[in-house]
Amino acid sequence: MRKRGLMLTVAMMLLLAALAGCGSNNANDPANDAANGNTAAPANEPANKPANEPAAADPATTKLDPVTLKIVLPGDRPADMDKVIQEAEKRMADTINVKLDVVFVPFSDLAQKTQVMLASGENVDLIFDAPWLHIDQMISAGYYEPLDDLLAQYGQDAVKVRSQQMFDANKFQGKIYALPLGNNHLAGRTYLVRKDIREKLGVPPIKTYEDLINFAYKVKENEKDVIPLMAYGQSSSKDIAWGAFRAFMEYDPQYLRTDALGQSLVLYYKNNDGKVYNLFDEMEPTIWSWIEDARKLYTDGLIHPDILAIKDVESVINSGKVAVAVSNEFGVPSSTQTALAQNVPGAELEAVTFIQMEKGKNITNFKQANFQAIPKVSKNKERAMMFLNWAAQKDNYDLLAYGIEGTNYEKIGDDQYKQIGTGYSYFPYGWIWNPTLDRLNAGYDEETIKHYQFNKAADNLTASVLTGFSFDPTPVTNELSLYNATEDKYYNALFDGVVDPDETWAKFKKEAEGNAKKIQVELQKQIDAFLAAKK
């Protein structure tokens, strides 16, 4: 579910020419880039090209020696993955000549296993990472190759399909260390609601959070075999614990996760004022109310009783045993709807979100939640970038994003698709996602399509004062490690309502307060320097 499962300052020395053309008639609207022909011109090769780096070959006319790329992606391997790889390799055979060794790591094991891969120097050519995972720490540890030169030489198409905002806002320490992945400037957040059950119980369409909870109580009373509410309990999914999820739809004020703690709300931004707030210093009443609300829902039997133990939440949703579940995108994922209908004939999901579509209402730093990086240990860095560039061409993107046409999906016009079966689930978010080529699910309701279209236009959003800021965790690496280990014990249990709030918060604060304060002080120091440099 991490698919949706979300970008602006120092100009790139070597990519300026490549990125300058990424605007559109609306200069901040990446959705119009390709349609208006405003694509970037190829960048010149850098004057000081490393001696061991081969001259750029034109894969359109030159067949290269075969290379196998090991690619590490999140989630579960689709049933038809081998068929898609076979077709991709066939298409690449006469040009970039790449074979694909694609390894999937379950989300529950992703942080630990990928960190071990990188620390041990395992040969990997492309790897998924994210701010909510450990990308800052991995960059600081020197595990990732800067991509500026590689993009300039081999990644012109990969640049064209992403906006200026996406590149400028997703630098780390002033460089592009990983390719930003996203199809939007504001991540979608949705409650998936069983429409068939709602209609069966005579409940009108849900318009507010209160409506949602009232529906959940009716489900508990009338549908004994259905769990009313489902969220995520694993420590790798802190932002989609039941109570924490509500921060994405709050406006007075807006609470934003920090650059230091990723998904956590213990340190947070609000009011777009450039300040770092700390719940251990002063509990925010609204956030505490979410924790208390989750506790009541759990003790009343609405939230799944084993929520902290469930690793595969999607399978529980697909089983038809859940009435409401959180989701990190707008709309109903086609794979989820298809699987549910197969398991429970007549079952149907609808998307409910309280994110507002009012110009300027939503604050964003344009940062993406997902990235694709090239590890330093890779022996095939140039070819890895060529592959990412190959994947930024429409037909190739369609193949890797949606599968085999006619078998796994059907094209609907230029920008929509219809999934066929469950053999190849949607996961471009893990390796090739971009706003120009990504298709919308043709099964989306009209409101969902409006949300996607609205949030593709950067001008509809308010830029955070911290847009372009990147946190260097090096000065507090030890404190971050200790803090995260402590937080993992308490955070989801609190925000999913499994434990007593007062007692657990006191334990959490006692163990984590010191490290959190050191992280807050360092983060604020770096933010102050960043803001001062902008004046």
Protein backbone atom coordinates (compact mmCIF):
# COMPACT_ATOMS: atom_id res chain seq x y z
CA MET A 1 0.00 0.00 0.00
CA ARG A 2 2.95 2.18 0.04
CA LYS A 3 2.15 2.84 -3.48
CA ARG A 4 0.69 6.09 -3.13
CA GLY A 5 0.69 4.66 -1.77
CA LEU A 6 3.52 11.76 -2.79
CA MET A 7 9.89 18.44 -4.67
CA LEU A 8 12.35 23.00 -5.30
CA THR A 9 15.46 25.12 -4.90
CA VAL A 10 19.20 25.00 -5.96
CA ALA A 11 19.54 24.75 -9.77
CA MET A 12 21.42 21.79 -11.21
CA MET A 13 24.71 22.66 -12.88
CA LEU A 14 24.58 19.81 -15.34
CA LEU A 15 20.85 19.36 -15.81
CA LEU A 16 19.74 22.93 -16.34
CA ALA A 17 19.28 22.48 -20.07
CA ALA A 18 17.50 19.16 -19.60
CA LEU A 19 15.07 20.47 -17.04
CA ALA A 20 14.38 23.95 -18.36
CA GLY A 21 11.87 22.68 -20.89
CA CYS A 22 9.77 20.72 -18.45
CA GLY A 23 7.25 23.52 -18.10
CA SER A 24 3.96 23.84 -19.92
CA ASN A 25 1.52 26.55 -20.95
CA ASN A 26 0.96 26.63 -17.22
CA ALA A 27 4.62 26.69 -16.20
CA ASN A 28 3.95 24.75 -13.02
CA ASP A 29 1.68 22.10 -14.50
CA PRO A 30 3.47 18.83 -15.35
CA ALA A 31 0.24 17.33 -16.58
CA ASN A 32 0.47 19.49 -19.70
CA ASP A 33 4.17 18.94 -20.49
CA ALA A 34 3.90 16.18 -23.06
CA ALA A 35 0.61 17.34 -24.53
CA ASN A 36 2.04 20.75 -25.37
CA GLY A 37 5.34 19.42 -26.66
CA ASN A 38 7.30 21.26 -24.00
CA THR A 39 10.00 18.69 -23.41
CA ALA A 40 13.55 19.20 -22.27
CA ALA A 41 16.43 19.50 -24.68
CA PRO A 42 19.22 16.93 -24.24
CA ALA A 43 21.85 18.06 -21.79
CA ASN A 44 25.46 18.35 -22.86
CA GLU A 45 27.98 15.86 -21.57
CA PRO A 46 29.87 17.28 -18.57
CA ALA A 47 33.31 18.64 -19.38
CA ASN A 48 34.97 16.61 -16.65
CA LYS A 49 33.54 13.19 -17.39
CA PRO A 50 35.10 10.49 -15.13
CA ALA A 51 37.88 8.63 -16.90
CA ASN A 52 36.33 5.23 -16.28
CA GLU A 53 32.96 6.24 -17.69
CA PRO A 54 32.32 5.17 -21.29
CA ALA A 55 31.20 7.63 -23.93
CA ALA A 56 27.44 7.81 -24.21
CA ALA A 57 26.16 5.34 -26.78
CA ASP A 58 23.02 5.96 -28.77
CA PRO A 59 20.90 2.89 -27.95
CA ALA A 60 18.64 3.70 -30.86
CA THR A 61 21.43 2.77 -33.28
CA THR A 62 23.96 0.82 -31.22
CA LYS A 63 23.46 -2.63 -29.75
CA LEU A 64 25.35 -2.89 -26.47
CA ASP A 65 26.84 -5.95 -24.80
CA PRO A 66 24.28 -7.81 -22.65
CA VAL A 67 23.98 -6.76 -19.00
CA THR A 68 21.76 -8.10 -16.23
CA LEU A 69 20.38 -5.49 -13.85
CA LYS A 70 19.42 -6.54 -10.33
CA ILE A 71 16.45 -4.42 -9.28
CA VAL A 72 15.01 -4.44 -5.75
CA LEU A 73 11.34 -3.44 -5.48
CA PRO A 74 8.81 -3.29 -2.62
CA GLY A 75 5.79 -5.54 -2.22
CA ASP A 76 4.84 -8.92 -3.65
CA ARG A 77 5.81 -10.34 -7.02
CA PRO A 78 2.88 -10.26 -9.51
CA ALA A 79 1.92 -13.63 -10.96
CA ASP A 80 2.64 -12.45 -14.52
CA MET A 81 5.91 -10.69 -13.72
CA ASP A 82 8.03 -13.15 -15.68
CA LYS A 83 5.90 -12.65 -18.80
CA VAL A 84 6.29 -8.87 -18.54
CA ILE A 85 10.04 -9.18 -18.04
CA GLN A 86 10.28 -11.47 -21.06
CA GLU A 87 8.50 -8.92 -23.24
CA ALA A 88 10.61 -6.05 -21.88
CA GLU A 89 13.85 -7.93 -22.55
CA LYS A 90 12.68 -8.70 -26.07
CA ARG A 91 12.08 -4.99 -26.71
CA MET A 92 15.48 -4.01 -25.29
CA ALA A 93 17.49 -6.75 -26.99
CA ASP A 94 18.57 -4.74 -30.03
CA THR A 95 19.29 -1.50 -28.20
CA ILE A 96 20.25 -1.24 -24.52
CA ASN A 97 20.35 -5.07 -24.29
CA VAL A 98 19.32 -5.40 -20.65
CA LYS A 99 18.16 -8.48 -18.76
CA LEU A 100 16.13 -7.94 -15.59
CA ASP A 101 16.62 -9.72 -12.28
CA VAL A 102 13.75 -8.22 -10.31
CA VAL A 103 13.67 -9.01 -6.59
CA PHE A 104 10.63 -8.16 -4.46
CA VAL A 105 10.86 -7.51 -0.72
CA PRO A 106 7.64 -7.44 1.37
CA PHE A 107 6.90 -4.06 2.89
CA SER A 108 7.10 -5.53 6.38
CA ASP A 109 10.76 -6.50 5.78
CA LEU A 110 11.72 -3.69 3.43
CA ALA A 111 13.65 -1.39 5.77
CA GLN A 112 15.76 -4.09 7.37
CA LYS A 113 16.50 -6.18 4.28
CA THR A 114 17.39 -3.28 1.99
CA GLN A 115 19.63 -1.76 4.65
CA VAL A 116 21.46 -5.07 5.00
CA MET A 117 21.83 -5.31 1.21
CA LEU A 118 23.40 -1.87 1.03
CA ALA A 119 25.59 -2.19 4.12
CA SER A 120 26.95 -5.57 3.01
CA GLY A 121 27.81 -4.29 -0.46
CA GLU A 122 25.50 -6.77 -2.20
CA ASN A 123 25.55 -6.23 -5.94
CA VAL A 124 22.38 -4.25 -6.70
CA ASP A 125 21.87 -1.95 -9.69
CA LEU A 126 18.56 -0.25 -8.84
CA ILE A 127 16.83 -0.11 -5.47
CA PHE A 128 13.65 1.40 -4.08
CA ASP A 129 13.99 3.83 -1.18
CA ALA A 130 11.91 6.56 0.44
CA PRO A 131 11.94 9.25 3.13
CA TRP A 132 9.62 7.02 5.16
CA LEU A 133 12.15 4.21 4.79
CA HIS A 134 15.78 5.31 5.15
CA ILE A 135 16.85 7.27 2.07
CA ASP A 136 18.42 10.13 4.05
CA GLN A 137 20.52 7.75 6.12
CA MET A 138 21.57 5.72 3.09
CA ILE A 139 22.66 8.86 1.23
CA SER A 140 24.58 10.11 4.24
CA ALA A 141 26.28 6.72 4.54
CA GLY A 142 27.45 7.07 0.93
CA TYR A 143 25.55 4.09 -0.48
CA TYR A 144 23.96 5.88 -3.46
CA GLU A 145 25.44 7.29 -6.64
CA PRO A 146 24.62 10.94 -7.47
CA LEU A 147 22.53 10.90 -10.64
CA ASP A 148 23.17 14.38 -12.06
CA ASP A 149 25.75 13.28 -14.63
CA LEU A 150 23.99 10.02 -15.44
CA LEU A 151 20.70 11.81 -16.07
CA ALA A 152 22.42 14.36 -18.28
CA GLN A 153 24.09 11.69 -20.41
CA TYR A 154 21.61 8.82 -20.47
CA GLY A 155 18.35 10.01 -18.90
CA GLN A 156 16.87 12.73 -21.13
CA ASP A 157 13.51 10.97 -21.42
CA ALA A 158 13.42 10.25 -17.69
CA VAL A 159 13.85 14.00 -17.17
CA LYS A 160 11.21 15.03 -19.72
CA VAL A 161 8.38 13.15 -18.01
CA ARG A 162 8.96 14.83 -14.65
CA SER A 163 8.36 18.45 -13.74
CA GLN A 164 10.91 21.03 -12.70
CA GLN A 165 9.29 21.01 -9.27
CA MET A 166 9.82 17.28 -8.84
CA PHE A 167 13.54 17.52 -9.49
CA ASP A 168 14.25 20.75 -7.65
CA ALA A 169 12.30 19.74 -4.56
CA ASN A 170 13.72 16.22 -4.32
CA LYS A 171 17.40 16.92 -4.09
CA PHE A 172 19.42 15.63 -1.18
CA GLN A 173 22.26 17.86 -0.03
CA GLY A 174 22.03 19.74 -3.32
CA LYS A 175 22.24 16.75 -5.65
CA ILE A 176 19.89 14.29 -7.32
CA TYR A 177 20.66 11.05 -5.52
CA ALA A 178 17.55 9.18 -6.60
CA LEU A 179 14.91 9.47 -9.30
CA PRO A 180 11.68 10.88 -7.79
CA LEU A 181 8.64 8.68 -8.34
CA GLY A 182 5.12 10.09 -8.33
CA ASN A 183 2.08 10.85 -10.45
CA ASN A 184 0.94 13.84 -8.43
CA HIS A 185 2.08 16.86 -6.44
CA LEU A 186 -0.12 15.91 -3.49
CA ALA A 187 -0.42 12.32 -2.33
CA GLY A 188 -3.92 10.90 -2.37
CA ARG A 189 -5.47 9.65 0.87
CA THR A 190 -8.74 7.78 0.88
CA TYR A 191 -11.04 5.69 3.01
CA LEU A 192 -12.18 2.62 1.08
CA VAL A 193 -15.81 2.00 2.01
CA ARG A 194 -17.94 -1.05 1.24
CA LYS A 195 -20.62 0.63 -0.83
CA ASP A 196 -22.78 -2.51 -1.00
CA ILE A 197 -22.93 -2.75 2.80
CA ARG A 198 -23.62 0.97 3.16
CA GLU A 199 -26.55 0.74 0.77
CA LYS A 200 -27.80 -2.46 2.38
CA LEU A 201 -27.91 -0.68 5.76
CA GLY A 202 -29.66 2.34 4.28
CA VAL A 203 -26.79 4.71 5.09
CA PRO A 204 -26.56 7.76 2.76
CA PRO A 205 -23.25 8.62 1.01
CA ILE A 206 -20.54 9.52 3.52
CA LYS A 207 -19.57 13.18 3.59
CA THR A 208 -17.75 13.63 6.93
CA TYR A 209 -15.58 11.69 9.36
CA GLU A 210 -18.54 11.53 11.73
CA ASP A 211 -20.61 9.91 8.98
CA LEU A 212 -17.81 7.37 8.52
CA ILE A 213 -17.75 6.40 12.19
CA ASN A 214 -21.54 6.23 12.41
CA PHE A 215 -21.47 3.81 9.48
CA ALA A 216 -18.82 1.72 11.26
CA TYR A 217 -21.05 1.39 14.36
CA LYS A 218 -23.96 0.27 12.17
CA VAL A 219 -21.71 -2.36 10.62
CA LYS A 220 -20.71 -3.65 14.05
CA GLU A 221 -24.36 -3.91 15.01
CA ASN A 222 -25.65 -5.54 11.84
CA GLU A 223 -22.76 -7.33 10.07
CA LYS A 224 -21.27 -9.69 12.63
CA ASP A 225 -18.72 -11.23 10.26
CA VAL A 226 -17.29 -7.89 9.07
CA ILE A 227 -14.60 -5.83 10.82
CA PRO A 228 -15.85 -2.21 10.73
CA LEU A 229 -12.46 -0.43 10.50
CA MET A 230 -9.04 -1.44 9.17
CA ALA A 231 -5.72 0.45 9.20
CA TYR A 232 -2.07 -0.55 9.43
CA GLY A 233 -0.26 -1.75 12.54
CA GLN A 234 3.28 -2.40 11.34
CA SER A 235 6.01 0.04 12.37
CA SER A 236 6.88 0.54 8.69
CA SER A 237 3.42 2.06 8.15
CA LYS A 238 3.14 4.71 10.87
CA ASP A 239 1.39 7.30 8.73
CA ILE A 240 -1.50 4.93 7.98
CA ALA A 241 -2.27 3.92 11.53
CA TRP A 242 -5.90 4.86 12.12
CA GLY A 243 -5.42 8.04 14.15
CA ALA A 244 -2.32 9.29 12.35
CA PHE A 245 -4.05 8.97 8.97
CA ARG A 246 -6.38 11.80 9.92
CA ALA A 247 -3.55 14.34 9.69
CA PHE A 248 -3.74 14.16 5.89
CA MET A 249 -7.26 15.62 5.94
CA GLU A 250 -6.87 18.27 8.64
CA TYR A 251 -6.89 21.97 7.72
CA ASP A 252 -7.01 24.04 10.88
CA PRO A 253 -4.07 23.88 11.15
CA GLN A 254 -2.42 21.55 8.64
CA TYR A 255 0.00 19.11 10.22
CA LEU A 256 2.93 18.04 8.05
CA ARG A 257 5.50 15.33 8.71
CA THR A 258 9.07 16.53 9.15
CA ASP A 259 12.13 15.84 7.03
CA ALA A 260 13.80 14.12 9.98
CA LEU A 261 11.27 11.52 11.15
CA GLY A 262 9.46 10.68 7.93
CA GLN A 263 6.06 9.26 8.82
CA SER A 264 6.01 10.23 12.49
CA LEU A 265 3.98 13.07 13.98
CA VAL A 266 6.08 13.32 17.16
CA LEU A 267 8.06 16.04 15.41
CA TYR A 268 5.86 17.99 13.01
CA TYR A 269 5.39 21.20 11.04
CA LYS A 270 2.26 23.34 11.10
CA ASN A 271 1.01 26.67 9.77
CA ASN A 272 3.83 26.76 7.17
CA ASP A 273 5.93 28.82 9.58
CA GLY A 274 9.28 27.04 9.25
CA LYS A 275 9.20 25.82 12.87
CA VAL A 276 9.66 22.29 14.18
CA TYR A 277 7.17 21.30 16.87
CA ASN A 278 7.61 18.48 19.37
CA LEU A 279 4.73 16.55 20.95
CA PHE A 280 6.94 15.70 23.92
CA ASP A 281 7.34 19.42 24.65
CA GLU A 282 3.63 20.17 24.34
CA MET A 283 0.93 17.78 23.23
CA GLU A 284 -1.12 19.15 20.34
CA PRO A 285 -4.78 18.82 21.45
CA THR A 286 -6.02 17.81 18.00
CA ILE A 287 -3.43 15.06 17.62
CA TRP A 288 -4.17 13.79 21.13
CA SER A 289 -7.86 13.68 20.23
CA TRP A 290 -6.99 11.36 17.33
CA ILE A 291 -5.17 9.02 19.72
CA GLU A 292 -8.09 9.03 22.14
CA ASP A 293 -10.58 8.50 19.32
CA ALA A 294 -8.61 5.50 18.07
CA ARG A 295 -8.59 4.06 21.59
CA LYS A 296 -12.36 4.34 21.87
CA LEU A 297 -12.90 2.77 18.45
CA TYR A 298 -10.59 -0.10 19.36
CA THR A 299 -12.16 -0.77 22.78
CA ASP A 300 -15.62 -0.56 21.19
CA GLY A 301 -14.61 -3.35 18.83
CA LEU A 302 -14.56 -1.35 15.60
CA ILE A 303 -10.82 -1.54 14.75
CA HIS A 304 -9.48 -4.99 13.89
CA PRO A 305 -8.46 -6.62 17.21
CA ASP A 306 -5.22 -8.06 15.76
CA ILE A 307 -4.21 -4.95 13.86
CA LEU A 308 -0.63 -4.88 15.16
CA ALA A 309 0.02 -8.47 14.06
CA ILE A 310 -1.37 -8.27 10.52
CA LYS A 311 1.36 -7.92 7.89
CA ASP A 312 -0.76 -8.29 4.77
CA VAL A 313 -3.56 -5.78 5.22
CA GLU A 314 -4.54 -5.89 1.55
CA SER A 315 -5.43 -9.57 1.75
CA VAL A 316 -7.76 -8.82 4.66
CA ILE A 317 -9.45 -6.05 2.68
CA ASN A 318 -9.70 -8.29 -0.38
CA SER A 319 -11.33 -11.04 1.67
CA GLY A 320 -14.45 -8.93 2.13
CA LYS A 321 -14.17 -8.95 5.92
CA VAL A 322 -13.62 -5.18 6.23
CA ALA A 323 -16.14 -2.33 5.90
CA VAL A 324 -13.75 0.65 5.93
CA ALA A 325 -9.99 0.72 5.27
CA VAL A 326 -7.40 3.45 4.80
CA SER A 327 -5.61 3.81 1.44
CA ASN A 328 -2.66 5.90 0.27
CA GLU A 329 -4.12 7.11 -3.00
CA PHE A 330 -7.25 8.66 -4.43
CA GLY A 331 -9.87 6.25 -5.67
CA VAL A 332 -10.31 2.50 -5.41
CA PRO A 333 -7.32 0.45 -6.66
CA SER A 334 -8.55 -1.73 -9.50
CA SER A 335 -6.64 -4.74 -8.19
CA THR A 336 -8.39 -4.40 -4.83
CA GLN A 337 -11.83 -4.04 -6.38
CA THR A 338 -11.25 -7.03 -8.68
CA ALA A 339 -9.97 -9.27 -5.88
CA LEU A 340 -12.84 -8.29 -3.58
CA ALA A 341 -15.47 -8.99 -6.23
CA GLN A 342 -13.96 -12.41 -6.86
CA ASN A 343 -14.02 -13.29 -3.17
CA VAL A 344 -17.41 -11.77 -2.40
CA PRO A 345 -19.71 -11.59 -5.44
CA GLY A 346 -21.61 -8.32 -5.44
CA ALA A 347 -19.17 -6.58 -3.10
CA GLU A 348 -18.13 -3.07 -4.17
CA LEU A 349 -15.82 -0.43 -2.78
CA GLU A 350 -16.20 3.33 -3.02
CA ALA A 351 -13.62 6.04 -2.29
CA VAL A 352 -14.25 8.62 0.43
CA THR A 353 -11.76 11.43 1.02
CA PHE A 354 -11.96 14.65 2.98
CA ILE A 355 -9.06 16.31 1.14
CA GLN A 356 -10.37 19.58 -0.28
CA MET A 357 -10.06 20.78 -3.87
CA GLU A 358 -9.80 24.50 -3.18
CA LYS A 359 -6.93 26.38 -4.82
CA GLY A 360 -4.23 27.17 -2.29
CA LYS A 361 -5.84 25.10 0.45
CA ASN A 362 -3.29 22.30 0.58
CA ILE A 363 0.33 22.94 1.58
CA THR A 364 2.99 20.84 -0.10
CA ASN A 365 6.77 20.82 -0.39
CA PHE A 366 6.45 18.93 -3.70
CA LYS A 367 8.52 16.09 -2.31
CA GLN A 368 7.76 12.59 -3.44
CA ALA A 369 7.31 9.64 -1.14
CA ASN A 370 9.06 7.10 -3.37
CA PHE A 371 12.43 7.01 -5.15
CA GLN A 372 14.58 4.77 -7.33
CA ALA A 373 18.31 4.88 -6.56
CA ILE A 374 21.47 3.44 -8.11
CA PRO A 375 23.80 2.02 -5.42
CA LYS A 376 27.48 2.93 -5.49
CA VAL A 377 28.38 -0.76 -5.72
CA SER A 378 26.57 -1.20 -9.03
CA LYS A 379 28.86 -2.19 -11.87
CA ASN A 380 26.21 -1.16 -14.40
CA LYS A 381 25.35 2.42 -13.48
CA GLU A 382 25.15 3.72 -17.03
CA ARG A 383 22.98 0.82 -18.16
CA ALA A 384 20.73 1.23 -15.13
CA MET A 385 20.08 4.82 -16.14
CA MET A 386 19.51 3.75 -19.75
CA PHE A 387 16.88 1.35 -18.46
CA LEU A 388 15.13 4.09 -16.47
CA ASN A 389 15.23 6.22 -19.59
CA TRP A 390 13.82 3.36 -21.70
CA ALA A 391 11.00 3.01 -19.17
CA ALA A 392 10.14 6.72 -19.67
CA GLN A 393 8.83 6.03 -23.18
CA LYS A 394 5.07 5.58 -23.44
CA ASP A 395 4.78 1.99 -24.70
CA ASN A 396 7.51 0.76 -22.39
CA TYR A 397 6.00 2.54 -19.41
CA ASP A 398 2.63 0.94 -20.19
CA LEU A 399 4.25 -2.49 -20.24
CA LEU A 400 6.05 -2.15 -16.91
CA ALA A 401 3.20 -0.29 -15.20
CA TYR A 402 0.19 -2.29 -16.36
CA GLY A 403 1.48 -5.51 -17.93
CA ILE A 404 0.67 -7.18 -21.24
CA GLU A 405 -1.93 -5.29 -23.26
CA GLY A 406 -5.01 -7.43 -23.80
CA THR A 407 -3.99 -9.83 -21.03
CA ASN A 408 -3.40 -7.63 -18.00
CA TYR A 409 -4.93 -4.35 -19.09
CA GLU A 410 -6.83 -2.47 -21.78
CA LYS A 411 -5.91 1.03 -22.94
CA ILE A 412 -8.68 3.58 -22.59
CA GLY A 413 -7.66 6.59 -24.68
CA ASP A 414 -4.26 8.15 -24.04
CA ASP A 415 -4.45 8.53 -20.28
CA GLN A 416 -6.66 5.83 -18.78
CA TYR A 417 -6.59 2.05 -18.48
CA LYS A 418 -8.75 -0.83 -17.37
CA GLN A 419 -7.16 -3.68 -15.48
CA ILE A 420 -7.89 -7.23 -16.61
CA GLY A 421 -7.72 -9.91 -13.96
CA THR A 422 -5.21 -9.98 -11.09
CA GLY A 423 -2.11 -11.32 -12.84
CA TYR A 424 -0.27 -8.01 -12.84
CA SER A 425 -1.08 -5.55 -10.08
CA TYR A 426 -0.40 -1.83 -10.43
CA PHE A 427 3.00 -0.91 -9.02
CA PRO A 428 4.79 1.77 -11.12
CA TYR A 429 5.17 3.56 -7.77
CA GLY A 430 8.10 1.24 -7.04
CA TRP A 431 10.35 1.97 -10.01
CA ILE A 432 9.09 4.09 -12.93
CA TRP A 433 6.23 6.35 -11.74
CA ASN A 434 5.86 9.79 -13.34
CA PRO A 435 2.98 12.25 -13.85
CA THR A 436 3.26 12.51 -17.64
CA LEU A 437 2.89 8.85 -18.64
CA ASP A 438 0.84 7.45 -15.78
CA ARG A 439 -2.68 6.42 -16.74
CA LEU A 440 -5.72 6.86 -14.52
CA ASN A 441 -7.86 3.88 -13.69
CA ALA A 442 -10.86 4.11 -16.02
CA GLY A 443 -12.96 2.65 -13.22
CA TYR A 444 -12.40 5.68 -11.01
CA ASP A 445 -15.44 7.69 -10.10
CA GLU A 446 -15.75 11.24 -11.40
CA GLU A 447 -14.72 12.79 -8.09
CA THR A 448 -11.51 10.76 -7.92
CA ILE A 449 -10.53 11.79 -11.44
CA LYS A 450 -11.08 15.42 -10.45
CA HIS A 451 -8.73 14.99 -7.47
CA TYR A 452 -5.96 13.58 -9.62
CA GLN A 453 -6.33 16.26 -12.26
CA PHE A 454 -6.51 19.04 -9.66
CA ASN A 455 -3.37 17.94 -7.83
CA LYS A 456 -1.28 17.48 -10.96
CA ALA A 457 -1.36 21.27 -11.37
CA ALA A 458 1.27 22.78 -9.08
CA ASP A 459 -0.47 26.17 -9.12
CA ASN A 460 -3.45 24.67 -7.29
CA LEU A 461 -1.28 24.05 -4.22
CA THR A 462 0.50 26.27 -1.71
CA ALA A 463 4.25 25.75 -1.68
CA SER A 464 5.73 25.10 1.73
CA VAL A 465 8.37 27.59 2.87
CA LEU A 466 10.59 24.49 3.17
CA THR A 467 10.23 23.51 -0.46
CA GLY A 468 13.68 22.42 -1.61
CA PHE A 469 15.00 21.80 1.90
CA SER A 470 16.72 18.48 2.57
CA PHE A 471 17.78 17.31 6.00
CA ASP A 472 21.30 16.02 6.61
CA PRO A 473 20.93 13.40 9.37
CA THR A 474 24.68 12.91 9.84
CA PRO A 475 24.98 15.01 13.03
CA VAL A 476 22.24 12.97 14.76
CA THR A 477 22.64 9.56 13.16
CA ASN A 478 22.95 7.78 16.51
CA GLU A 479 20.01 9.66 18.03
CA LEU A 480 17.83 8.82 15.02
CA SER A 481 18.68 5.13 15.29
CA LEU A 482 17.89 5.04 19.00
CA TYR A 483 14.75 7.14 18.64
CA ASN A 484 13.32 5.07 15.78
CA ALA A 485 13.86 1.84 17.70
CA THR A 486 11.91 3.28 20.62
CA GLU A 487 9.16 4.75 18.49
CA ASP A 488 8.62 1.41 16.76
CA LYS A 489 7.52 -0.03 20.12
CA TYR A 490 4.82 2.52 20.80
CA TYR A 491 3.66 4.58 17.82
CA ASN A 492 1.27 2.28 15.97
CA ALA A 493 -0.07 0.85 19.21
CA LEU A 494 -1.01 4.39 20.26
CA PHE A 495 -2.48 5.61 16.98
CA ASP A 496 -4.35 2.35 16.35
CA GLY A 497 -5.90 2.49 19.81
CA VAL A 498 -4.50 -0.83 21.07
CA VAL A 499 -3.03 0.55 24.32
CA ASP A 500 -4.00 2.96 27.05
CA PRO A 501 -3.00 6.44 25.77
CA ASP A 502 -1.93 8.08 29.05
CA GLU A 503 0.13 5.18 30.34
CA THR A 504 1.76 4.39 27.02
CA TRP A 505 2.53 8.00 26.12
CA ALA A 506 4.28 8.43 29.48
CA LYS A 507 6.51 5.41 28.78
CA PHE A 508 7.18 6.54 25.23
CA LYS A 509 8.09 10.06 26.34
CA LYS A 510 10.41 8.83 29.11
CA GLU A 511 12.37 6.62 26.70
CA ALA A 512 12.41 8.81 23.60
CA GLU A 513 12.22 12.44 24.72
CA GLY A 514 15.97 13.06 24.93
CA ASN A 515 16.78 11.76 21.48
CA ALA A 516 13.75 13.48 19.95
CA LYS A 517 14.88 16.81 21.37
CA LYS A 518 18.38 16.47 19.89
CA ILE A 519 16.88 15.64 16.50
CA GLN A 520 14.49 18.59 16.74
CA VAL A 521 17.30 21.02 17.60
CA GLU A 522 19.46 19.84 14.70
CA LEU A 523 16.54 19.91 12.26
CA GLN A 524 15.59 23.45 13.31
CA LYS A 525 19.22 24.56 12.99
CA GLN A 526 19.38 23.32 9.39
CA ILE A 527 15.98 24.83 8.55
CA ASP A 528 17.01 28.22 9.93
CA ALA A 529 20.14 28.16 7.78
CA PHE A 530 18.11 27.17 4.73
CA LEU A 531 15.57 29.97 5.24
CA ALA A 532 18.29 32.53 5.92
CA ALA A 533 20.00 31.61 2.65
CA LYS A 534 16.76 32.24 0.74
CA LYS A 535 16.47 35.84 1.92
